Amino acid sequence: MSDISFDFLSDSTEETSTRFVTFVGEQSLKRYDLAITTTGRFYGKKLVADLQSGKTAILGPDDLEEEGYLEHVYQLNEEEGIELRAFLDLIVGVVNFSDL
């Protein structure tokens, strides 16, 4: 048994829903493999993982509106960012600030 102790800031388990989506960008022809997790955490934002690059971000509509944000997080060029943003606009939805 280890003598190491942990000072947990948070430790919880909850049911989540994950949508797996693969699509090809119309202009860039880049393949996107995404896992989009809906959870009670993050004030209604989605946890979006790019399964090819391993990059993950917590995204809501405000993040999609921030110029260059997706390109930075997922290391995309401008054209790829436009395509991913167009897709995520369809699925991210409105953020719910309820603690219910």
N, C-alpha and C. Protein backbone atom coordinates (compact mmCIF):
# COMPACT_ATOMS: atom_id res chain seq x y z
N MET A 1 0.84 -1.18 0.00
CA MET A 1 0.00 0.00 0.00
C MET A 1 0.89 1.24 0.00
N SER A 2 0.48 2.22 -0.72
CA SER A 2 1.25 3.45 -0.85
C SER A 2 1.00 4.39 0.32
N ASP A 3 2.02 5.18 0.67
CA ASP A 3 1.89 6.18 1.71
C ASP A 3 1.51 7.54 1.14
N ILE A 4 1.20 7.61 -0.13
CA ILE A 4 0.85 8.86 -0.79
C ILE A 4 -0.61 9.20 -0.48
N SER A 5 -0.86 10.44 -0.11
CA SER A 5 -2.24 10.89 0.10
C SER A 5 -2.57 11.95 -0.94
N PHE A 6 -3.85 12.10 -1.22
CA PHE A 6 -4.31 13.04 -2.24
C PHE A 6 -5.23 14.06 -1.60
N ASP A 7 -5.07 15.30 -2.00
CA ASP A 7 -5.94 16.38 -1.54
C ASP A 7 -6.91 16.69 -2.68
N PHE A 8 -8.02 15.96 -2.74
CA PHE A 8 -8.98 16.10 -3.83
C PHE A 8 -9.71 17.44 -3.75
N LEU A 9 -9.77 18.14 -4.86
CA LEU A 9 -10.57 19.35 -4.96
C LEU A 9 -11.98 19.01 -5.41
N SER A 10 -12.12 17.93 -6.14
CA SER A 10 -13.42 17.46 -6.62
C SER A 10 -13.29 16.00 -6.98
N ASP A 11 -14.35 15.25 -6.76
CA ASP A 11 -14.38 13.83 -7.14
C ASP A 11 -15.84 13.42 -7.20
N SER A 12 -16.38 13.35 -8.41
CA SER A 12 -17.79 12.99 -8.56
C SER A 12 -17.98 12.12 -9.79
N THR A 13 -19.08 11.42 -9.79
CA THR A 13 -19.44 10.55 -10.91
C THR A 13 -20.86 10.93 -11.33
N GLU A 14 -21.09 10.97 -12.64
CA GLU A 14 -22.43 11.28 -13.13
C GLU A 14 -22.67 10.57 -14.46
N GLU A 15 -23.92 10.43 -14.81
CA GLU A 15 -24.30 9.88 -16.11
C GLU A 15 -24.10 10.98 -17.15
N THR A 16 -23.51 10.64 -18.27
CA THR A 16 -23.32 11.59 -19.37
C THR A 16 -23.83 10.97 -20.66
N SER A 17 -23.89 11.79 -21.67
CA SER A 17 -24.26 11.33 -23.00
C SER A 17 -23.15 11.78 -23.95
N THR A 18 -22.64 10.85 -24.76
CA THR A 18 -21.59 11.18 -25.71
C THR A 18 -22.03 10.84 -27.12
N ARG A 19 -21.90 11.82 -27.99
CA ARG A 19 -22.23 11.65 -29.41
C ARG A 19 -20.92 11.58 -30.18
N PHE A 20 -20.74 10.55 -30.98
CA PHE A 20 -19.56 10.39 -31.81
C PHE A 20 -19.92 10.76 -33.24
N VAL A 21 -19.20 11.70 -33.82
CA VAL A 21 -19.51 12.20 -35.16
C VAL A 21 -18.25 12.21 -36.00
N THR A 22 -18.36 11.71 -37.22
CA THR A 22 -17.28 11.80 -38.20
C THR A 22 -17.85 12.46 -39.44
N PHE A 23 -17.17 13.49 -39.92
CA PHE A 23 -17.58 14.14 -41.16
C PHE A 23 -16.35 14.69 -41.87
N VAL A 24 -16.53 15.03 -43.14
CA VAL A 24 -15.46 15.58 -43.96
C VAL A 24 -15.84 17.01 -44.33
N GLY A 25 -14.90 17.93 -44.15
CA GLY A 25 -15.13 19.33 -44.51
C GLY A 25 -15.36 19.49 -46.00
N GLU A 26 -16.32 20.31 -46.34
CA GLU A 26 -16.70 20.50 -47.75
C GLU A 26 -15.57 21.10 -48.58
N GLN A 27 -14.89 22.11 -48.04
CA GLN A 27 -13.82 22.78 -48.78
C GLN A 27 -12.45 22.16 -48.52
N SER A 28 -12.13 21.94 -47.25
CA SER A 28 -10.79 21.46 -46.89
C SER A 28 -10.61 19.96 -47.12
N LEU A 29 -11.72 19.23 -47.16
CA LEU A 29 -11.72 17.77 -47.23
C LEU A 29 -11.04 17.12 -46.03
N LYS A 30 -10.90 17.90 -44.96
CA LYS A 30 -10.34 17.38 -43.71
C LYS A 30 -11.38 16.50 -43.03
N ARG A 31 -10.94 15.38 -42.51
CA ARG A 31 -11.82 14.48 -41.76
C ARG A 31 -11.81 14.90 -40.29
N TYR A 32 -13.01 15.01 -39.72
CA TYR A 32 -13.18 15.35 -38.31
C TYR A 32 -13.79 14.15 -37.60
N ASP A 33 -13.14 13.69 -36.55
CA ASP A 33 -13.65 12.61 -35.69
C ASP A 33 -13.82 13.22 -34.31
N LEU A 34 -15.06 13.45 -33.92
CA LEU A 34 -15.35 14.16 -32.67
C LEU A 34 -16.14 13.31 -31.70
N ALA A 35 -15.87 13.52 -30.42
CA ALA A 35 -16.69 12.98 -29.35
C ALA A 35 -17.24 14.18 -28.60
N ILE A 36 -18.56 14.32 -28.59
CA ILE A 36 -19.21 15.48 -27.97
C ILE A 36 -19.98 14.99 -26.75
N THR A 37 -19.50 15.37 -25.58
CA THR A 37 -20.09 14.89 -24.33
C THR A 37 -20.96 15.96 -23.70
N THR A 38 -22.19 15.55 -23.38
CA THR A 38 -23.12 16.41 -22.66
C THR A 38 -23.12 15.95 -21.21
N THR A 39 -22.96 16.90 -20.31
CA THR A 39 -22.85 16.61 -18.89
C THR A 39 -23.54 17.71 -18.10
N GLY A 40 -23.77 17.47 -16.84
CA GLY A 40 -24.36 18.48 -15.97
C GLY A 40 -23.34 19.52 -15.52
N ARG A 41 -22.09 19.26 -15.78
CA ARG A 41 -21.03 20.19 -15.42
C ARG A 41 -20.86 21.25 -16.51
N PHE A 42 -20.02 22.19 -16.29
CA PHE A 42 -19.62 23.20 -17.28
C PHE A 42 -20.77 24.11 -17.70
N TYR A 43 -21.78 24.26 -16.86
CA TYR A 43 -22.88 25.20 -17.09
C TYR A 43 -23.54 25.02 -18.45
N GLY A 44 -23.69 23.79 -18.89
CA GLY A 44 -24.38 23.51 -20.14
C GLY A 44 -23.49 23.48 -21.37
N LYS A 45 -22.22 23.82 -21.21
CA LYS A 45 -21.31 23.73 -22.35
C LYS A 45 -21.00 22.27 -22.63
N LYS A 46 -20.54 21.99 -23.83
CA LYS A 46 -20.21 20.62 -24.24
C LYS A 46 -18.70 20.39 -24.14
N LEU A 47 -18.33 19.17 -23.84
CA LEU A 47 -16.94 18.75 -23.85
C LEU A 47 -16.69 18.14 -25.23
N VAL A 48 -15.90 18.80 -26.07
CA VAL A 48 -15.70 18.38 -27.46
C VAL A 48 -14.26 17.92 -27.64
N ALA A 49 -14.10 16.63 -27.92
CA ALA A 49 -12.79 16.03 -28.12
C ALA A 49 -12.58 15.70 -29.59
N ASP A 50 -11.45 16.13 -30.12
CA ASP A 50 -11.03 15.75 -31.47
C ASP A 50 -10.24 14.46 -31.29
N LEU A 51 -10.80 13.36 -31.71
CA LEU A 51 -10.20 12.05 -31.46
C LEU A 51 -8.92 11.83 -32.25
N GLN A 52 -8.71 12.55 -33.34
CA GLN A 52 -7.48 12.40 -34.12
C GLN A 52 -6.30 13.10 -33.46
N SER A 53 -6.52 14.30 -32.96
CA SER A 53 -5.42 15.07 -32.39
C SER A 53 -5.30 14.91 -30.87
N GLY A 54 -6.38 14.45 -30.24
CA GLY A 54 -6.38 14.34 -28.78
C GLY A 54 -6.67 15.66 -28.08
N LYS A 55 -7.00 16.69 -28.84
CA LYS A 55 -7.30 18.01 -28.27
C LYS A 55 -8.76 18.03 -27.80
N THR A 56 -8.98 18.61 -26.62
CA THR A 56 -10.32 18.68 -26.05
C THR A 56 -10.58 20.09 -25.53
N ALA A 57 -11.81 20.55 -25.69
CA ALA A 57 -12.19 21.86 -25.18
C ALA A 57 -13.62 21.81 -24.66
N ILE A 58 -13.91 22.68 -23.71
CA ILE A 58 -15.26 22.87 -23.19
C ILE A 58 -15.83 24.03 -23.98
N LEU A 59 -16.88 23.76 -24.78
CA LEU A 59 -17.36 24.77 -25.72
C LEU A 59 -18.84 25.10 -25.54
N GLY A 60 -19.11 26.39 -25.64
CA GLY A 60 -20.46 26.92 -25.68
C GLY A 60 -20.54 27.92 -26.81
N PRO A 61 -21.71 28.48 -27.04
CA PRO A 61 -21.88 29.45 -28.12
C PRO A 61 -20.91 30.63 -28.05
N ASP A 62 -20.61 31.08 -26.83
CA ASP A 62 -19.68 32.21 -26.67
C ASP A 62 -18.28 31.86 -27.18
N ASP A 63 -17.87 30.62 -27.00
CA ASP A 63 -16.55 30.19 -27.48
C ASP A 63 -16.50 30.13 -29.00
N LEU A 64 -17.62 29.73 -29.61
CA LEU A 64 -17.67 29.64 -31.07
C LEU A 64 -17.62 31.03 -31.71
N GLU A 65 -18.10 32.03 -30.98
CA GLU A 65 -18.09 33.40 -31.50
C GLU A 65 -16.73 34.08 -31.37
N GLU A 66 -15.88 33.53 -30.52
CA GLU A 66 -14.56 34.16 -30.28
C GLU A 66 -13.64 33.86 -31.47
N GLU A 67 -13.25 34.90 -32.15
CA GLU A 67 -12.44 34.77 -33.37
C GLU A 67 -11.12 34.05 -33.08
N GLY A 68 -10.87 33.02 -33.87
CA GLY A 68 -9.60 32.28 -33.78
C GLY A 68 -9.52 31.26 -32.66
N TYR A 69 -10.57 31.15 -31.84
CA TYR A 69 -10.51 30.24 -30.69
C TYR A 69 -10.41 28.77 -31.12
N LEU A 70 -11.31 28.34 -31.99
CA LEU A 70 -11.27 26.94 -32.44
C LEU A 70 -9.97 26.63 -33.16
N GLU A 71 -9.53 27.57 -33.96
CA GLU A 71 -8.28 27.37 -34.71
C GLU A 71 -7.11 27.17 -33.74
N HIS A 72 -7.11 27.95 -32.67
CA HIS A 72 -6.03 27.84 -31.68
C HIS A 72 -6.11 26.51 -30.92
N VAL A 73 -7.28 26.21 -30.38
CA VAL A 73 -7.44 25.01 -29.55
C VAL A 73 -7.18 23.73 -30.33
N TYR A 74 -7.73 23.64 -31.52
CA TYR A 74 -7.63 22.40 -32.29
C TYR A 74 -6.53 22.45 -33.36
N GLN A 75 -5.74 23.53 -33.36
CA GLN A 75 -4.64 23.71 -34.31
C GLN A 75 -5.11 23.53 -35.76
N LEU A 76 -6.08 24.37 -36.14
CA LEU A 76 -6.67 24.33 -37.47
C LEU A 76 -6.28 25.58 -38.24
N ASN A 77 -6.32 25.46 -39.58
CA ASN A 77 -6.16 26.67 -40.38
C ASN A 77 -7.52 27.36 -40.45
N GLU A 78 -7.56 28.53 -41.05
CA GLU A 78 -8.79 29.33 -41.07
C GLU A 78 -9.95 28.60 -41.73
N GLU A 79 -9.69 27.97 -42.85
CA GLU A 79 -10.74 27.25 -43.59
C GLU A 79 -11.32 26.10 -42.74
N GLU A 80 -10.44 25.34 -42.09
CA GLU A 80 -10.88 24.24 -41.23
C GLU A 80 -11.67 24.77 -40.03
N GLY A 81 -11.25 25.89 -39.49
CA GLY A 81 -11.96 26.51 -38.37
C GLY A 81 -13.37 26.91 -38.74
N ILE A 82 -13.53 27.44 -39.95
CA ILE A 82 -14.86 27.84 -40.43
C ILE A 82 -15.77 26.60 -40.53
N GLU A 83 -15.22 25.51 -41.06
CA GLU A 83 -16.02 24.28 -41.21
C GLU A 83 -16.41 23.71 -39.85
N LEU A 84 -15.46 23.62 -38.94
CA LEU A 84 -15.77 23.07 -37.62
C LEU A 84 -16.76 23.95 -36.89
N ARG A 85 -16.59 25.26 -36.97
CA ARG A 85 -17.51 26.21 -36.32
C ARG A 85 -18.93 26.04 -36.87
N ALA A 86 -19.06 25.88 -38.19
CA ALA A 86 -20.38 25.71 -38.80
C ALA A 86 -21.06 24.44 -38.26
N PHE A 87 -20.30 23.37 -38.11
CA PHE A 87 -20.87 22.14 -37.56
C PHE A 87 -21.25 22.32 -36.09
N LEU A 88 -20.32 22.86 -35.30
CA LEU A 88 -20.57 23.00 -33.87
C LEU A 88 -21.71 23.97 -33.57
N ASP A 89 -21.93 24.95 -34.45
CA ASP A 89 -23.08 25.85 -34.28
C ASP A 89 -24.39 25.06 -34.24
N LEU A 90 -24.44 23.94 -34.94
CA LEU A 90 -25.64 23.12 -35.00
C LEU A 90 -25.88 22.32 -33.73
N ILE A 91 -24.82 22.00 -32.99
CA ILE A 91 -24.98 21.06 -31.89
C ILE A 91 -24.68 21.61 -30.50
N VAL A 92 -23.99 22.73 -30.41
CA VAL A 92 -23.59 23.23 -29.09
C VAL A 92 -24.79 23.76 -28.32
N GLY A 93 -25.65 24.53 -28.95
CA GLY A 93 -26.87 24.99 -28.30
C GLY A 93 -26.64 26.13 -27.32
N VAL A 94 -27.69 26.45 -26.62
CA VAL A 94 -27.69 27.55 -25.66
C VAL A 94 -27.16 27.04 -24.32
N VAL A 95 -26.34 27.83 -23.68
CA VAL A 95 -25.78 27.47 -22.38
C VAL A 95 -26.82 27.69 -21.29
N ASN A 96 -26.94 26.71 -20.40
CA ASN A 96 -27.88 26.76 -19.28
C ASN A 96 -27.11 27.02 -18.00
N PHE A 97 -27.36 28.15 -17.33
CA PHE A 97 -26.63 28.50 -16.13
C PHE A 97 -27.30 28.01 -14.86
N SER A 98 -28.22 27.09 -14.96
CA SER A 98 -28.93 26.55 -13.79
C SER A 98 -28.03 25.56 -13.05
N ASP A 99 -28.16 25.52 -11.74
CA ASP A 99 -27.43 24.54 -10.92
C ASP A 99 -28.31 23.33 -10.61
N LEU A 100 -29.43 23.21 -11.29
CA LEU A 100 -30.36 22.11 -11.00
C LEU A 100 -29.85 20.80 -11.50
